[in-house]
Every structure is written in structure tokens, then in C-alpha cells.
Protein backbone atom coordinates (compact mmCIF):
# COMPACT_ATOMS: atom_id res chain seq x y z
CA MET A 1 -37.06 73.95 -139.00
CA GLY A 2 -36.81 75.49 -142.62
CA ALA A 3 -39.92 73.22 -143.66
CA VAL A 4 -42.34 74.76 -141.34
CA ARG A 5 -43.56 78.14 -142.56
CA GLY A 6 -42.14 80.97 -140.73
CA THR A 7 -43.91 84.56 -140.36
CA GLU A 8 -46.34 84.91 -143.55
CA ALA A 9 -49.28 86.67 -143.71
CA MET A 10 -51.68 84.58 -145.20
CA THR A 11 -55.23 82.76 -144.61
CA MET A 12 -54.82 79.18 -144.24
CA SER A 13 -57.34 76.40 -144.39
CA GLY A 14 -57.93 74.10 -141.10
CA VAL A 15 -56.61 71.40 -142.87
CA ALA A 16 -53.23 73.35 -143.91
CA MET A 17 -53.01 74.51 -140.49
CA GLN A 18 -53.39 71.13 -138.80
CA THR A 19 -50.92 69.82 -141.55
CA GLU A 20 -48.42 72.69 -140.61
CA PHE A 21 -48.80 71.65 -136.73
CA GLN A 22 -48.19 68.08 -137.54
CA MET A 23 -45.14 68.75 -139.50
CA LEU A 24 -43.97 71.38 -136.44
CA ASN A 25 -44.96 68.23 -133.92
CA ALA A 26 -42.63 65.92 -135.95
CA LYS A 27 -39.79 68.31 -136.33
CA LEU A 28 -39.81 69.01 -132.36
CA SER A 29 -40.27 65.34 -131.53
CA GLU A 30 -37.36 64.58 -133.57
CA LYS A 31 -35.10 67.36 -131.91
CA ALA A 32 -36.26 66.41 -128.76
CA ASP A 33 -34.99 62.66 -129.24
CA LEU A 34 -31.61 64.09 -130.27
CA LEU A 35 -31.37 66.47 -127.58
CA GLU A 36 -32.39 63.56 -124.94
CA LEU A 37 -29.70 61.15 -126.70
CA ALA A 38 -27.10 63.69 -126.34
CA GLU A 39 -27.61 64.88 -122.66
CA GLU A 40 -27.64 61.30 -121.84
CA GLN A 41 -24.15 60.92 -123.57
CA LEU A 42 -23.06 63.87 -121.57
CA TRP A 43 -24.14 62.60 -118.17
CA LEU A 44 -22.68 59.13 -118.99
CA LEU A 45 -19.23 60.83 -119.88
CA PHE A 46 -19.52 62.96 -116.58
CA CYS A 47 -20.07 59.77 -114.41
CA ASP A 48 -16.83 57.84 -116.16
CA TRP A 49 -14.96 61.07 -115.51
CA GLN A 50 -16.01 61.07 -111.80
CA ASP A 51 -15.82 57.13 -111.54
CA VAL A 52 -19.38 56.88 -110.64
CA THR A 53 -21.55 54.01 -111.66
CA PRO A 54 -24.07 55.95 -114.44
CA ASP A 55 -27.63 55.79 -113.06
CA VAL A 56 -29.07 58.37 -115.63
CA GLU A 57 -32.17 58.29 -117.59
CA ILE A 58 -33.35 61.59 -119.47
CA PHE A 59 -37.06 61.84 -120.70
CA TYR A 60 -37.95 64.74 -123.06
CA PRO A 61 -41.77 65.11 -124.26
CA ASP A 62 -42.52 63.06 -127.05
CA ALA A 63 -45.44 65.15 -128.46
CA PHE A 64 -45.63 68.94 -128.77
CA ASP A 65 -49.03 69.21 -130.33
CA LEU A 66 -51.43 72.00 -129.50
CA ARG A 67 -54.16 70.68 -127.52
CA ASP A 68 -56.86 72.52 -125.71
CA TYR A 69 -57.47 69.93 -122.84
CA ASP A 70 -60.11 72.13 -120.86
CA LYS A 71 -62.40 72.22 -123.97
CA GLU A 72 -61.93 68.37 -124.96
CA LEU A 73 -62.76 67.45 -121.22
CA MET A 74 -65.76 69.78 -121.39
CA PHE A 75 -66.83 68.46 -124.67
CA LEU A 76 -66.30 64.62 -123.34
CA GLN A 77 -68.17 65.60 -120.06
CA GLN A 78 -71.10 66.75 -122.37
CA MET A 79 -70.88 63.91 -124.62
CA ARG A 80 -71.15 61.63 -121.30
CA ALA A 81 -74.34 63.63 -120.08
CA THR A 82 -76.12 63.38 -123.20
CA GLY A 83 -77.70 59.83 -121.72
CA VAL A 84 -76.58 57.83 -125.06
CA LYS A 85 -77.63 54.47 -123.70
CA SER A 86 -74.16 52.72 -125.32
CA VAL A 87 -71.59 50.73 -123.30
CA THR A 88 -69.14 51.46 -126.31
CA LEU A 89 -69.60 54.89 -126.24
CA SER A 90 -69.35 55.39 -122.49
CA GLN A 91 -65.94 53.14 -122.61
CA GLU A 92 -64.71 55.36 -125.40
CA ILE A 93 -65.24 58.43 -123.65
CA ASP A 94 -63.93 57.21 -120.40
CA LYS A 95 -60.69 56.11 -122.26
CA LYS A 96 -60.49 59.28 -123.73
CA ILE A 97 -60.68 61.22 -120.30
CA SER A 98 -58.00 59.05 -118.91
CA ASP A 99 -55.65 59.80 -122.09
CA LEU A 100 -56.12 63.49 -121.13
CA ILE A 101 -55.20 62.92 -117.69
CA LEU A 102 -53.00 60.01 -117.00
CA ASP A 103 -49.22 59.35 -118.19
CA ASP A 104 -48.59 56.33 -119.93
CA GLU A 105 -47.35 54.33 -117.17
CA MET A 106 -50.90 54.24 -115.81
CA LEU A 107 -52.68 54.48 -118.88
CA ALA A 108 -52.79 51.14 -119.97
CA LYS A 109 -53.90 49.95 -116.57
CA ALA A 110 -56.65 52.52 -116.77
CA HIS A 111 -57.98 51.23 -120.10
CA SER A 112 -57.82 47.62 -118.79
CA GLU A 113 -60.07 48.51 -115.88
CA ILE A 114 -62.39 50.73 -117.89
CA GLU A 115 -62.94 47.74 -120.26
CA SER A 116 -63.44 45.22 -117.51
CA GLY A 117 -65.20 47.40 -115.37
CA THR A 118 -68.18 48.62 -117.77
CA GLN A 119 -71.32 46.16 -117.86
CA VAL A 120 -73.57 46.18 -120.56
CA LEU A 121 -76.80 48.22 -120.05
CA GLY A 122 -79.24 45.65 -118.40
CA GLN A 123 -77.16 43.15 -117.32
CA PHE A 124 -77.74 41.87 -113.64
CA ASN A 125 -75.94 39.95 -111.42
CA GLU A 126 -76.34 36.10 -111.46
CA GLN A 127 -77.52 35.71 -107.84
CA VAL A 128 -80.97 36.44 -107.81
CA THR A 129 -82.77 35.85 -104.40
CA GLU A 130 -85.62 33.89 -104.31
CA GLU A 131 -88.65 34.71 -102.23
CA SER A 132 -89.57 32.07 -99.72
């Protein structure tokens, strides 16, 4: 972690802090990938030693970014409450909310449901009942 600033007492700009957090996130992600591989190999060796069929999958987090999920969710809810009449905006807000809540397995399904479920404002069903 040598490239990431340690304990220096200096004021940093927002861009500098964001860059530093991205560097730290990348380094931690790389370390997690290596630890994941090492642990998986250890379990495979253990299973070979015990004459057991290995059925081991190790998952470490892929991202270590610092996000304020509560603040992002409140912002997205405020954006939805503004009443801007845009289907694209509504879809993107819904996608961002699902990004905060769902894991990768359910995320693609949720995105496709959001895209297929949203109708254009003013769109009506084709079935029009005629009065006799």
C-alpha cells in the first residue's frame, strides 16, 4: 500500500481525495483477489488431503469504495419526488436505487424489468372500450 498516502497532515482537494480513494480501492481489490485465490487453493489442498471432492468457492468483495448509501438513496428519492416527467430519468433513478440494494445476481433481472415495465407518459392501452 506504499502508493497510498499514509498519515500526512495536509488539506487535499476533492479531486485529490477521490483519486486517492480510487487508488486505495484498486489496491484493496487486488489484494482481495489474491487472498481469494490463495484461500481457494488452501481448501483444495485440504480436500485432497482428506480425499474429499472439492466443492469450494471463495468470494471476497470486489469493491472497497466509500459510499454513503443512505445519502445516495435519499438523493434519488428526492429526485423522484420532484415530479420531472421523463421516462428516461425515472428508469435511471430506479436503476440507481436497485444498484444500491441488490446484488449482482438479481441486478440484471431488475434492470430488464425496469426497462420493460416503464411506459411512456401518456401511453394508453390499445384496448379502448366503445360506448354503445
